[in-house]
Protein backbone atom coordinates (compact mmCIF):
# COMPACT_ATOMS: atom_id res chain seq x y z
CA MET A 1 0.00 0.00 0.00
CA LYS A 2 1.33 3.46 -0.87
CA PHE A 3 2.28 5.56 2.19
CA ASN A 4 0.52 8.84 1.44
CA LYS A 5 -0.06 12.05 3.36
CA ILE A 6 -3.46 10.99 4.66
CA ASN A 7 -2.08 7.81 6.20
CA PHE A 8 0.80 9.80 7.74
CA ASN A 9 -1.63 12.22 9.39
CA ASP A 10 -3.78 9.37 10.65
CA ILE A 11 -0.77 7.76 12.27
CA VAL A 12 0.76 10.88 13.82
CA ASN A 13 -2.59 12.10 15.12
CA THR A 14 -2.99 8.96 17.24
CA ILE A 15 0.25 9.78 19.12
CA GLY A 16 -0.28 11.38 22.52
CA PHE A 17 3.04 13.28 22.39
CA TYR A 18 3.01 16.87 21.12
CA ILE A 19 4.80 16.97 17.76
CA CYS A 20 5.63 20.06 15.72
CA MET A 21 7.82 20.62 12.64
CA TYR A 22 9.50 23.96 11.85
CA ASP A 23 11.76 25.25 9.11
CA LYS A 24 15.19 26.78 9.77
CA GLU A 25 13.62 30.18 10.57
CA GLY A 26 11.28 28.75 13.18
CA ILE A 27 8.23 28.91 10.91
CA ILE A 28 5.67 26.20 11.78
CA ARG A 29 5.21 23.72 8.92
CA TYR A 30 3.27 20.92 10.60
CA TYR A 31 1.82 19.89 13.96
CA ASN A 32 -0.19 16.91 15.11
CA LEU A 33 -3.59 16.91 16.80
CA ALA A 34 -2.12 16.49 20.29
CA PHE A 35 0.03 19.62 19.82
CA LYS A 36 -2.99 21.57 18.51
CA ASN A 37 -5.25 20.54 21.40
CA ALA A 38 -2.59 21.37 23.97
CA TYR A 39 -1.26 24.69 22.69
CA LEU A 40 -3.37 26.07 19.80
CA HIS A 41 -6.82 26.82 21.09
CA GLY A 42 -9.56 27.91 18.71
CA SER A 43 -9.90 27.37 14.96
CA GLU A 44 -6.98 29.59 13.91
CA ALA A 45 -4.38 27.82 11.76
CA PHE A 46 -0.73 28.28 12.77
CA VAL A 47 1.01 26.66 9.81
CA GLY A 48 3.13 29.36 8.20
CA LYS A 49 3.45 31.37 11.44
CA HIS A 50 6.55 31.87 13.58
CA PHE A 51 6.80 29.74 16.73
CA SER A 52 6.86 32.93 18.85
CA SER A 53 3.26 33.59 17.81
CA ILE A 54 2.13 30.74 20.05
CA GLU A 55 1.12 32.55 23.23
CA ASN A 56 0.66 29.46 25.37
CA VAL A 57 2.84 29.91 28.50
CA GLU A 58 3.39 26.18 28.93
CA TYR A 59 4.72 25.84 25.38
CA GLN A 60 7.03 28.85 25.62
CA GLY A 61 8.35 27.46 28.92
CA VAL A 62 9.45 24.11 27.51
CA THR A 63 10.23 24.52 23.80
CA GLY A 64 13.85 24.19 22.73
CA ILE A 65 13.37 25.52 19.19
CA LYS A 66 15.22 28.81 19.77
CA ALA A 67 18.37 27.08 21.02
CA VAL A 68 18.41 24.70 18.05
CA ILE A 69 18.05 27.56 15.55
CA GLU A 70 20.94 29.41 17.20
CA THR A 71 23.33 26.46 17.57
CA SER A 72 22.20 23.94 14.90
CA GLU A 73 22.57 21.31 17.65
CA GLY A 74 19.79 19.08 18.88
CA GLN A 75 18.40 19.51 22.38
CA SER A 76 17.14 16.70 24.61
CA TYR A 77 16.28 17.44 28.23
CA GLN A 78 13.76 17.34 31.04
CA LYS A 79 12.07 20.41 32.46
CA LYS A 80 9.79 20.71 35.43
CA ILE A 81 7.08 23.36 35.20
CA GLU A 82 5.44 24.34 38.48
CA ASN A 83 1.93 22.90 38.85
CA LEU A 84 2.24 21.17 35.48
CA GLY A 85 4.78 18.41 36.09
CA LEU A 86 7.87 17.05 34.38
CA PHE A 87 8.22 17.47 30.62
CA TYR A 88 10.54 15.54 28.29
CA ILE A 89 11.61 17.61 25.29
CA ASN A 90 13.51 16.42 22.22
CA THR A 91 14.22 19.04 19.53
CA ALA A 92 16.20 17.60 16.61
CA PRO A 93 17.42 19.41 13.48
CA ILE A 94 17.28 17.68 10.10
CA LEU A 95 20.42 18.84 8.32
CA HIS A 96 21.22 19.10 4.62
CA ASN A 97 24.82 19.91 3.63
CA GLY A 98 25.49 20.94 7.21
CA GLU A 99 22.59 23.41 7.42
CA ILE A 100 19.19 23.10 9.03
CA ASN A 101 16.46 21.97 6.67
CA TYR A 102 13.72 21.25 9.18
CA ILE A 103 13.42 20.89 12.95
CA ILE A 104 11.23 18.27 14.62
CA GLU A 105 10.21 18.81 18.23
CA THR A 106 8.53 16.25 20.46
CA ILE A 107 7.18 17.24 23.86
CA ALA A 108 6.01 14.53 26.23
CA THR A 109 4.80 14.39 29.79
CA PRO A 110 3.72 11.26 31.69
CA PHE A 111 0.88 13.19 33.28
CA LYS A 112 -0.98 13.98 30.06
CA ALA A 113 -2.46 11.88 27.27
CA PRO A 114 -4.48 14.41 25.24
CA ILE A 115 -5.64 12.08 22.47
CA LEU A 116 -5.85 8.47 23.58
CA PRO A 117 -7.95 7.59 26.65
CA VAL A 118 -5.97 5.57 29.19
CA LYS A 119 -7.19 3.10 31.76
CA GLU A 120 -6.62 4.02 35.36
CA HIS A 121 -3.63 2.08 36.69
CA VAL A 122 -0.94 2.13 39.32
CA PRO A 123 2.40 2.95 37.64
CA GLU A 124 5.43 0.74 38.14
CA ALA A 125 8.38 1.97 40.14
CA PRO A 126 10.29 4.36 37.85
CA ALA A 127 13.62 2.60 38.46
CA GLN A 128 12.21 -0.70 37.24
CA ASP A 129 10.76 0.94 34.14
CA MET A 130 14.12 2.53 33.31
CA PHE A 131 16.19 -0.60 33.94
CA LEU A 132 13.90 -3.18 32.37
CA GLY A 133 11.63 -1.43 29.85
CA ASP A 134 13.64 -1.90 26.63
CA ILE A 135 12.94 -4.27 23.73
CA LYS A 136 15.73 -6.70 24.66
CA MET A 137 13.98 -7.41 27.97
CA GLN A 138 10.50 -8.04 26.58
CA SER A 139 10.71 -11.84 26.38
CA ILE A 140 12.04 -12.00 29.95
CA LEU A 141 9.25 -9.77 31.26
CA GLU A 142 6.64 -11.83 29.42
CA THR A 143 7.98 -15.01 31.05
CA ILE A 144 7.94 -13.34 34.46
CA SER A 145 4.29 -12.45 33.92
CA ARG A 146 3.47 -16.09 33.05
CA ILE A 147 5.19 -17.51 36.16
CA SER A 148 3.95 -14.86 38.62
CA ASN A 149 1.72 -17.34 40.47
CA PHE A 150 4.43 -19.99 40.88
CA ASP A 151 7.23 -20.26 43.44
CA SER A 152 9.82 -22.02 41.24
CA THR A 153 13.45 -21.16 41.96
CA ILE A 154 15.04 -18.68 39.55
CA LEU A 155 18.68 -18.22 38.58
CA ILE A 156 19.70 -14.88 37.03
CA THR A 157 23.00 -14.82 35.15
CA GLY A 158 24.89 -12.00 33.47
CA GLU A 159 27.93 -9.78 33.64
CA SER A 160 28.57 -7.57 36.64
CA GLY A 161 26.51 -4.38 36.62
CA THR A 162 23.77 -5.57 34.24
CA GLY A 163 20.91 -5.12 36.73
CA LYS A 164 20.46 -8.65 38.10
CA SER A 165 19.36 -7.42 41.53
CA MET A 166 16.86 -5.03 39.92
CA LEU A 167 15.39 -7.94 37.95
CA ALA A 168 15.13 -9.98 41.16
CA LYS A 169 13.20 -7.15 42.83
CA TYR A 170 10.96 -6.89 39.78
CA ILE A 171 10.21 -10.64 39.90
CA HIS A 172 9.31 -10.31 43.58
CA SER A 173 7.06 -7.30 42.88
CA LYS A 174 5.11 -9.32 40.29
CA SER A 175 4.72 -12.41 42.45
CA LYS A 176 2.04 -13.38 44.95
CA ARG A 177 4.62 -12.55 47.65
CA ALA A 178 4.91 -8.90 46.55
CA ASN A 179 3.72 -7.52 49.89
CA LYS A 180 6.00 -9.79 51.90
CA PRO A 181 9.72 -9.37 52.79
CA PHE A 182 12.39 -9.23 50.10
CA ILE A 183 15.70 -10.11 51.76
CA THR A 184 19.01 -9.84 49.88
CA ILE A 185 22.04 -11.90 50.87
CA ASN A 186 25.28 -10.96 49.11
CA CYS A 187 27.31 -14.14 49.42
CA ALA A 188 30.50 -12.26 48.48
CA ALA A 189 30.09 -9.48 51.05
CA ILE A 190 29.82 -11.53 54.25
CA PRO A 191 33.09 -12.94 55.66
CA GLU A 192 33.25 -16.71 55.31
CA ASN A 193 33.58 -17.24 59.07
CA LEU A 194 30.39 -15.23 59.72
CA ILE A 195 28.20 -16.19 56.79
CA GLU A 196 26.54 -19.23 58.40
CA SER A 197 25.47 -17.32 61.52
CA GLU A 198 24.29 -14.35 59.43
CA LEU A 199 22.18 -16.55 57.18
CA PHE A 200 20.81 -19.19 59.54
CA GLY A 201 21.16 -17.50 62.94
CA TYR A 202 22.18 -19.21 66.15
CA VAL A 203 20.80 -20.16 69.56
CA ALA A 204 21.98 -18.76 72.89
CA GLY A 205 25.46 -19.94 73.84
CA ALA A 206 26.08 -21.56 70.46
CA PHE A 207 29.72 -20.43 70.44
CA THR A 208 32.11 -18.18 72.33
CA GLY A 209 31.00 -14.59 72.03
CA ALA A 210 27.46 -15.49 70.91
CA SER A 211 24.62 -13.33 72.21
CA GLN A 212 22.82 -14.83 75.19
CA LYS A 213 19.56 -14.11 73.39
CA GLY A 214 20.60 -15.91 70.23
CA LYS A 215 20.13 -14.33 66.83
CA LYS A 216 17.58 -14.59 64.06
CA GLY A 217 19.20 -15.17 60.67
CA LEU A 218 18.38 -13.55 57.33
CA VAL A 219 16.67 -16.73 56.14
CA GLU A 220 14.13 -16.46 58.95
CA ALA A 221 13.71 -12.74 58.25
CA ALA A 222 12.62 -13.67 54.70
CA ASP A 223 9.86 -16.01 55.92
CA THR A 224 6.72 -15.79 53.70
CA GLY A 225 8.67 -13.61 51.24
CA THR A 226 11.56 -13.86 48.79
CA LEU A 227 15.18 -14.69 49.58
CA PHE A 228 17.59 -13.26 47.00
CA LEU A 229 21.03 -14.90 46.99
CA ASP A 230 23.32 -12.52 45.14
CA GLU A 231 26.75 -13.80 44.00
CA ILE A 232 25.59 -17.36 44.72
CA GLY A 233 28.66 -18.73 42.92
CA LEU A 234 30.83 -17.53 45.84
CA LEU A 235 28.84 -19.37 48.52
CA PRO A 236 31.31 -21.52 50.51
CA LEU A 237 31.12 -25.17 49.50
CA GLN A 238 30.50 -26.34 53.09
CA LEU A 239 27.31 -24.22 53.28
CA GLN A 240 25.87 -25.35 49.97
CA SER A 241 24.37 -28.51 51.48
CA LYS A 242 22.40 -26.37 53.97
CA PHE A 243 20.96 -24.32 51.11
CA LEU A 244 20.08 -27.51 49.27
CA GLN A 245 18.14 -28.59 52.37
CA LEU A 246 16.46 -25.18 52.50
CA ILE A 247 15.31 -25.41 48.87
CA GLN A 248 14.24 -29.07 48.94
CA GLU A 249 12.66 -29.33 52.38
CA LYS A 250 12.02 -25.69 53.36
CA THR A 251 13.92 -26.35 56.58
CA TYR A 252 17.20 -25.21 58.11
CA THR A 253 19.04 -25.59 61.39
CA PRO A 254 20.43 -22.55 63.27
CA ILE A 255 23.95 -22.93 64.67
CA GLY A 256 23.84 -24.81 67.98
CA ALA A 257 20.19 -25.84 67.61
CA LEU A 258 19.02 -29.41 68.07
CA LYS A 259 15.88 -29.01 66.01
CA SER A 260 15.43 -27.66 62.50
CA LYS A 261 13.09 -24.79 61.66
CA THR A 262 10.57 -24.57 58.85
CA VAL A 263 10.48 -21.51 56.64
CA ASP A 264 8.33 -20.50 53.67
CA VAL A 265 10.55 -18.65 51.20
CA ARG A 266 10.87 -18.27 47.45
CA ILE A 267 14.50 -18.51 46.30
CA ILE A 268 15.98 -16.26 43.60
CA SER A 269 19.74 -16.33 43.02
CA ALA A 270 22.16 -14.46 40.77
CA THR A 271 25.73 -14.85 39.59
CA ASN A 272 28.23 -13.45 37.10
CA LEU A 273 30.19 -16.71 37.19
CA ASN A 274 29.84 -19.74 34.94
CA LEU A 275 28.25 -22.16 37.40
CA LYS A 276 28.60 -25.10 35.02
CA LYS A 277 32.34 -24.51 35.06
CA GLN A 278 32.24 -24.16 38.85
CA VAL A 279 30.52 -27.55 39.04
CA MET A 280 33.13 -29.16 36.77
CA GLU A 281 35.89 -27.72 38.98
CA HIS A 282 34.13 -29.10 42.09
CA LYS A 283 33.60 -25.58 43.49
CA PHE A 284 29.80 -25.77 43.31
CA ARG A 285 27.45 -28.67 44.04
CA GLU A 286 25.81 -30.06 40.92
CA ASP A 287 22.57 -30.94 42.74
CA LEU A 288 22.29 -27.39 44.12
CA PHE A 289 23.00 -25.93 40.68
CA TYR A 290 20.05 -27.75 39.11
CA ARG A 291 17.79 -26.92 42.05
CA LEU A 292 18.57 -23.21 41.70
CA ARG A 293 17.93 -22.99 37.96
CA VAL A 294 14.43 -24.40 37.49
CA ILE A 295 13.93 -21.13 35.60
CA GLU A 296 16.94 -19.23 34.27
CA PHE A 297 17.13 -15.66 33.00
CA HIS A 298 20.20 -14.14 31.36
CA MET A 299 20.64 -10.38 31.69
CA PRO A 300 22.20 -9.09 28.47
CA PRO A 301 25.05 -6.56 28.73
CA LEU A 302 24.25 -2.89 28.15
CA ARG A 303 26.10 -2.91 24.81
CA GLU A 304 23.35 -5.25 23.55
CA ARG A 305 20.58 -3.04 25.00
CA VAL A 306 21.25 0.20 23.13
CA ASP A 307 17.63 1.34 23.36
CA ALA A 308 17.89 1.14 27.16
CA ILE A 309 20.67 3.72 27.42
CA ASN A 310 18.55 6.84 26.80
CA PRO A 311 15.95 6.02 29.49
CA LEU A 312 18.77 5.17 31.89
CA ILE A 313 20.46 8.53 31.20
CA ASP A 314 17.16 10.26 32.01
CA TYR A 315 16.67 8.19 35.15
CA PHE A 316 20.16 8.85 36.55
CA LEU A 317 20.01 12.52 35.56
CA GLN A 318 16.77 12.92 37.48
CA LEU A 319 18.10 10.86 40.41
CA TYR A 320 21.27 12.91 40.90
CA ASN A 321 19.54 16.22 40.25
CA LYS A 322 17.27 15.33 43.16
CA THR A 323 20.12 13.96 45.30
CA TYR A 324 22.28 17.07 44.93
CA HIS A 325 19.40 19.60 44.78
CA ILE A 326 20.25 20.93 41.33
CA ASN A 327 18.54 20.99 37.95
CA LYS A 328 20.91 20.09 35.14
CA SER A 329 20.02 19.02 31.62
CA ILE A 330 22.02 17.27 28.91
CA THR A 331 22.53 18.23 25.26
CA PHE A 332 21.42 16.05 22.38
CA GLU A 333 25.01 15.58 21.14
CA THR A 334 26.20 14.53 24.61
CA ARG A 335 23.38 12.04 24.83
CA LYS A 336 24.35 10.60 21.43
CA LEU A 337 27.95 10.24 22.55
CA LEU A 338 26.95 8.42 25.73
CA CYS A 339 24.71 6.09 23.73
CA SER A 340 27.65 5.14 21.51
CA GLY A 341 29.81 3.99 24.44
CA GLY A 342 30.81 0.36 24.91
CA TRP A 343 29.93 0.38 28.64
CA SER A 344 32.01 -2.62 29.65
CA GLY A 345 30.88 -1.96 33.24
CA ASN A 346 27.25 -2.00 32.07
CA ILE A 347 24.51 -0.10 33.96
CA ARG A 348 26.69 0.40 37.03
CA GLU A 349 29.37 2.15 34.96
CA LEU A 350 26.78 4.38 33.27
CA GLN A 351 25.39 5.27 36.70
CA TYR A 352 28.82 6.34 38.01
CA VAL A 353 29.51 8.35 34.86
CA MET A 354 26.17 10.16 35.10
CA GLU A 355 26.75 11.02 38.76
CA ARG A 356 30.18 12.43 37.96
CA LEU A 357 28.83 14.45 35.03
CA VAL A 358 26.05 15.93 37.15
CA VAL A 359 28.48 16.83 39.93
CA THR A 360 31.47 18.10 37.92
CA SER A 361 29.94 19.80 34.85
CA ARG A 362 30.39 23.56 35.23
CA ASP A 363 27.18 24.74 33.59
CA ASP A 364 23.52 23.89 33.98
CA GLN A 365 23.68 21.87 30.78
CA ILE A 366 26.01 18.88 30.41
CA THR A 367 27.91 19.12 27.12
CA VAL A 368 30.27 16.92 25.11
CA GLY A 369 33.18 18.86 26.57
CA ASP A 370 32.36 17.51 30.02
CA ILE A 371 33.03 13.86 29.13
CA PRO A 372 36.40 13.41 27.33
CA SER A 373 38.01 11.76 30.35
CA PHE A 374 35.53 8.91 30.22
CA HIS A 375 36.29 8.15 26.58
CA GLU A 376 40.01 8.41 27.23
CA THR A 377 39.48 5.78 29.92
CA ASP A 378 37.58 3.56 27.48
CA THR A 379 40.33 3.87 24.91
CA VAL A 380 42.99 2.91 27.43
CA ALA A 381 40.96 -0.12 28.46
CA GLU A 382 40.45 -1.20 24.87
CA ASN A 383 44.18 -1.00 24.16
CA ASN A 384 44.94 -2.95 27.36
CA GLU A 385 47.30 -0.18 28.45
CA ILE A 386 46.76 0.19 32.18
CA LYS A 387 47.66 3.61 33.48
CA ASN A 388 48.93 3.57 37.05
CA ILE A 389 47.02 5.95 39.29
CA LYS A 390 47.08 6.72 42.98
CA PHE A 391 43.70 6.03 44.51
CA GLU A 392 44.03 8.72 47.20
CA ASP A 393 44.87 11.37 44.57
CA GLU A 394 41.80 10.48 42.51
CA VAL A 395 39.54 10.68 45.57
CA GLU A 396 40.99 14.03 46.64
CA ALA A 397 40.57 15.47 43.14
CA PHE A 398 36.92 14.45 43.12
CA GLU A 399 36.34 15.83 46.65
CA LYS A 400 37.99 19.15 45.81
CA GLU A 401 35.95 19.59 42.62
CA LEU A 402 32.70 18.73 44.42
CA LEU A 403 33.37 21.07 47.34
CA PHE A 404 34.49 23.95 45.15
CA ARG A 405 31.36 23.66 42.98
CA TYR A 406 28.89 23.57 45.84
CA TYR A 407 30.59 26.13 48.08
CA SER A 408 30.62 28.60 45.20
CA ILE A 409 26.84 28.14 45.05
CA TYR A 410 25.87 28.13 48.73
CA LYS A 411 28.67 30.16 50.42
CA SER A 412 27.70 28.45 53.68
CA THR A 413 29.16 25.36 55.34
CA TYR A 414 25.73 24.43 56.70
CA LYS A 415 24.02 24.58 53.29
CA LEU A 416 26.99 22.86 51.64
CA ALA A 417 26.89 20.02 54.15
CA THR A 418 23.13 19.60 53.71
CA ALA A 419 23.40 19.58 49.91
CA ILE A 420 26.05 16.84 49.72
CA GLY A 421 24.95 14.82 52.74
CA ILE A 422 27.83 15.28 55.22
CA SER A 423 28.13 16.93 58.64
CA GLN A 424 28.88 20.65 58.92
CA THR A 425 32.03 19.81 60.90
CA LYS A 426 33.31 17.60 58.09
CA ALA A 427 32.43 20.22 55.49
CA SER A 428 34.44 22.87 57.38
CA ARG A 429 37.42 20.53 57.78
CA LEU A 430 37.47 19.63 54.09
CA LEU A 431 37.21 23.28 53.02
CA ARG A 432 40.24 24.05 55.16
CA LYS A 433 42.08 21.03 53.80
CA TYR A 434 41.66 22.18 50.20
CA ASN A 435 41.97 25.89 51.03
CA ILE A 436 38.57 26.68 49.54
CA GLN A 437 37.30 30.11 50.57
């Protein structure tokens, strides 16, 4: 079927986002029905008029058309308008021989759907939407929906930093145990000599130094809910039989106890190791391995989830703007550069980079010039040339930059301390240390 103008209008007019097309002078050439209903009241036609002729205050407060005309660079940012909510604006130039031909602007807000009626619903947690809402994750999310009423064990595999713990929380939130405890046990974080007592607890007088009241373990704390075993591949071999008992019989024995306890938990585990290889090397029990992976999900690396990067940039930008009480945006070109990164550290690396950009960028808008150091780091890693650095020097450089930026804004140790989450005493000491006045 031929794709004609009528079909194009029919399609675009079903989109709830506000869409407008301008020429290089800012003259309006096209807008969809959502844009018209939101900003162009009455029967007057605005095609052929300059964008400044739109008198709607909301529109003039969010549009990025002027900046694109002046710089020929795309703009992509969030903007919060008082009493109206958070807007997402993308203004992109269409270039021909290096000059603007047309400009397409899309304005979206989660609080408005001017064309399509929507059913009332309770939105998901924003973090889950950002981490898991891309195309690559759709088959996994569909499977999670199908198994939501079952308590089968689940093994989540994937590289470090891919969001395995976020997926575990999502699985719990979609299960019949959603309103019950979700307890995380990081098998790599607890010292080997303490892990058994932390997990299974102990009775009074179980060993020298034990509390006379005994101690409830994390397994008991998870009763009726979900127990998430992160880094399960690092669980000491001598404890693996106790977890096998927990999975098979729903029972465990606290240290020093004569009787076992019954617990009702759903087990989800995660690892970045190859457990099959661990089994072959006799570092992981084969029977436990098969018990853990009744259902298995593999979290793909961020380099295979390119369409997830943009929502993650928005999520972390909003998170750190809120954390540090600022309101920074990011340019379209910077966003494109971040989306082209290899991200060997996956979501965790992107998160650290976004925090550093928010904290260290000098202006209210993060630009390409703010990120060369990250790409230099990537290049070094790719060439396997490891540059020796002194950890203390790197930390001090970051501290000094952070303190200088915020003290220049607040001019008060109390406000500075509140903004970055430290005590006023520590803020004063650090300012003296770096001679910041």
